[in-house]
Amino acid sequence: MIEKSKRAEYELVDEGIVAYNLSKVPFTQEPSFVHINRVIKGPDGEVLAGIHSVLYCWKCLHIDVLWVKEECRKEGYGSALLVGIETIAKVNGCNLIHLDTFDFQAKDFYLKHGYEIFGILDDCPSEHKRYYLKKNL
């Protein structure tokens, strides 16, 4: 029977794939997953921009989210967050960063910062493209 998983079951599945991966390729970092998240705040403490990423298993960094409040775009916040995360990644021995973005998001921004497209998923969502990018450090 297939049913909605509970938190403990989610963690069990997650731990299962991590253990399997470790049995095939030794991890090169400890701890295995390091969340690197940063925000930029205005003078009043309001969050203007942020980035969520994880340095995982083999000193690879996955950027999950980079967001800049619409009225703050073109002020350099996204670049500051990206360069900051890349610097932290390098200090931690990372040699590969990867992420995905949609055609209506920030593909050109990442290309400007030295990322390259290694895959495209068409019609995700319908009539749009999802781009997969990487950068070797």
Protein backbone atom coordinates (compact mmCIF):
# COMPACT_ATOMS: atom_id res chain seq x y z
CA MET A 1 0.00 0.00 0.00
CA ILE A 2 1.31 3.47 -0.87
CA GLU A 3 0.59 6.16 1.66
CA LYS A 4 1.76 9.61 2.66
CA SER A 5 5.00 9.35 4.64
CA LYS A 6 5.40 10.69 8.14
CA ARG A 7 8.49 12.69 9.17
CA ALA A 8 10.24 9.63 10.63
CA GLU A 9 9.55 7.66 7.45
CA TYR A 10 10.86 10.52 5.31
CA GLU A 11 14.05 10.49 7.35
CA LEU A 12 14.33 6.70 7.06
CA VAL A 13 14.13 6.89 3.24
CA ASP A 14 16.62 9.76 3.19
CA GLU A 15 19.04 7.88 5.44
CA GLY A 16 18.65 4.79 3.25
CA ILE A 17 19.79 6.53 0.07
CA VAL A 18 22.64 8.26 1.91
CA ALA A 19 23.85 4.89 3.24
CA TYR A 20 23.59 3.34 -0.21
CA ASN A 21 25.52 6.21 -1.81
CA LEU A 22 28.20 5.93 0.85
CA SER A 23 28.56 2.20 0.10
CA LYS A 24 29.37 3.05 -3.54
CA VAL A 25 31.43 6.25 -3.27
CA PRO A 26 33.21 7.31 -0.05
CA PHE A 27 32.19 10.71 1.25
CA THR A 28 34.99 13.27 1.27
CA GLN A 29 33.62 15.62 3.89
CA GLU A 30 32.40 15.57 7.45
CA PRO A 31 29.67 16.35 8.26
CA SER A 32 28.15 14.92 5.10
CA PHE A 33 25.69 17.80 4.64
CA VAL A 34 26.43 21.42 5.54
CA HIS A 35 23.67 23.94 4.92
CA ILE A 36 25.05 27.32 3.87
CA ASN A 37 22.26 29.88 3.94
CA ARG A 38 22.64 33.66 3.96
CA VAL A 39 20.37 36.72 3.83
CA ILE A 40 20.83 40.40 3.18
CA LYS A 41 18.75 42.66 5.42
CA GLY A 42 17.84 46.29 5.14
CA PRO A 43 18.42 48.83 7.92
CA ASP A 44 15.05 47.95 9.46
CA GLY A 45 15.85 44.20 9.52
CA GLU A 46 13.68 43.35 6.52
CA VAL A 47 15.05 40.48 4.42
CA LEU A 48 15.88 41.85 0.97
CA ALA A 49 17.59 38.79 -0.52
CA GLY A 50 18.70 35.31 0.42
CA ILE A 51 20.38 32.13 -0.73
CA HIS A 52 19.92 28.51 0.39
CA SER A 53 22.56 25.93 -0.46
CA VAL A 54 24.04 22.70 0.80
CA LEU A 55 27.61 21.45 0.62
CA TYR A 56 27.15 17.71 0.36
CA CYS A 57 29.02 14.41 0.62
CA TRP A 58 31.76 14.98 -1.96
CA LYS A 59 32.44 18.70 -1.42
CA CYS A 60 29.89 19.63 -4.06
CA LEU A 61 27.59 22.59 -3.53
CA HIS A 62 23.97 22.62 -4.62
CA ILE A 63 22.27 26.00 -4.70
CA ASP A 64 18.60 25.42 -4.06
CA VAL A 65 17.30 29.00 -3.94
CA LEU A 66 18.65 32.46 -4.68
CA TRP A 67 16.02 35.16 -4.29
CA VAL A 68 16.11 38.96 -4.38
CA LYS A 69 13.09 41.06 -3.53
CA GLU A 70 11.78 42.46 -6.80
CA GLU A 71 12.34 46.13 -5.98
CA CYS A 72 15.94 45.37 -4.93
CA ARG A 73 17.00 43.62 -8.13
CA LYS A 74 19.84 45.18 -10.15
CA GLU A 75 21.44 46.46 -6.90
CA GLY A 76 24.07 43.71 -6.72
CA TYR A 77 22.49 41.68 -3.91
CA GLY A 78 22.24 38.49 -5.97
CA SER A 79 25.86 38.79 -7.09
CA ALA A 80 27.01 39.47 -3.53
CA LEU A 81 25.21 36.38 -2.23
CA LEU A 82 26.46 34.17 -5.07
CA VAL A 83 30.08 35.31 -4.76
CA GLY A 84 29.86 34.93 -0.98
CA ILE A 85 28.59 31.36 -1.22
CA GLU A 86 31.24 30.52 -3.83
CA THR A 87 33.93 31.86 -1.49
CA ILE A 88 32.65 29.75 1.40
CA ALA A 89 32.51 26.72 -0.90
CA LYS A 90 36.14 27.24 -2.01
CA VAL A 91 37.33 27.59 1.59
CA ASN A 92 35.66 24.24 2.30
CA GLY A 93 37.43 22.52 -0.60
CA CYS A 94 34.46 22.53 -2.97
CA ASN A 95 35.25 22.18 -6.65
CA LEU A 96 31.77 21.97 -8.20
CA ILE A 97 28.60 24.04 -7.79
CA HIS A 98 25.33 23.16 -9.50
CA LEU A 99 21.81 24.54 -9.60
CA ASP A 100 18.71 24.82 -11.72
CA THR A 101 16.67 27.80 -12.86
CA PHE A 102 13.73 28.43 -15.14
CA ASP A 103 13.72 30.48 -18.35
CA PHE A 104 11.70 33.15 -16.55
CA GLN A 105 14.17 33.34 -13.66
CA ALA A 106 17.92 33.94 -13.72
CA LYS A 107 19.65 31.87 -16.43
CA ASP A 108 21.52 34.87 -17.87
CA PHE A 109 22.56 36.00 -14.38
CA TYR A 110 24.27 32.66 -13.75
CA LEU A 111 25.86 32.58 -17.20
CA LYS A 112 27.30 36.05 -16.48
CA HIS A 113 28.85 34.58 -13.32
CA GLY A 114 30.64 31.79 -15.18
CA TYR A 115 28.10 28.98 -14.92
CA GLU A 116 27.48 26.75 -17.91
CA ILE A 117 24.36 24.91 -18.98
CA PHE A 118 24.67 21.13 -18.91
CA GLY A 119 21.02 20.24 -19.37
CA ILE A 120 17.65 21.60 -20.38
CA LEU A 121 14.25 20.20 -19.48
CA ASP A 122 11.59 21.35 -21.93
CA ASP A 123 7.96 21.97 -20.95
CA CYS A 124 8.72 22.27 -17.24
CA PRO A 125 6.39 24.03 -16.64
CA SER A 126 4.39 23.88 -19.85
CA GLU A 127 5.86 26.06 -22.60
CA HIS A 128 8.91 26.89 -20.47
CA LYS A 129 12.38 25.49 -19.93
CA ARG A 130 14.26 24.46 -16.81
CA TYR A 131 18.02 24.92 -17.10
CA TYR A 132 20.62 22.92 -15.18
CA LEU A 133 23.88 24.79 -14.67
CA LYS A 134 27.26 24.09 -13.12
CA LYS A 135 30.46 25.88 -12.32
CA ASN A 136 33.83 24.29 -11.64
CA LEU A 137 35.82 26.16 -9.01
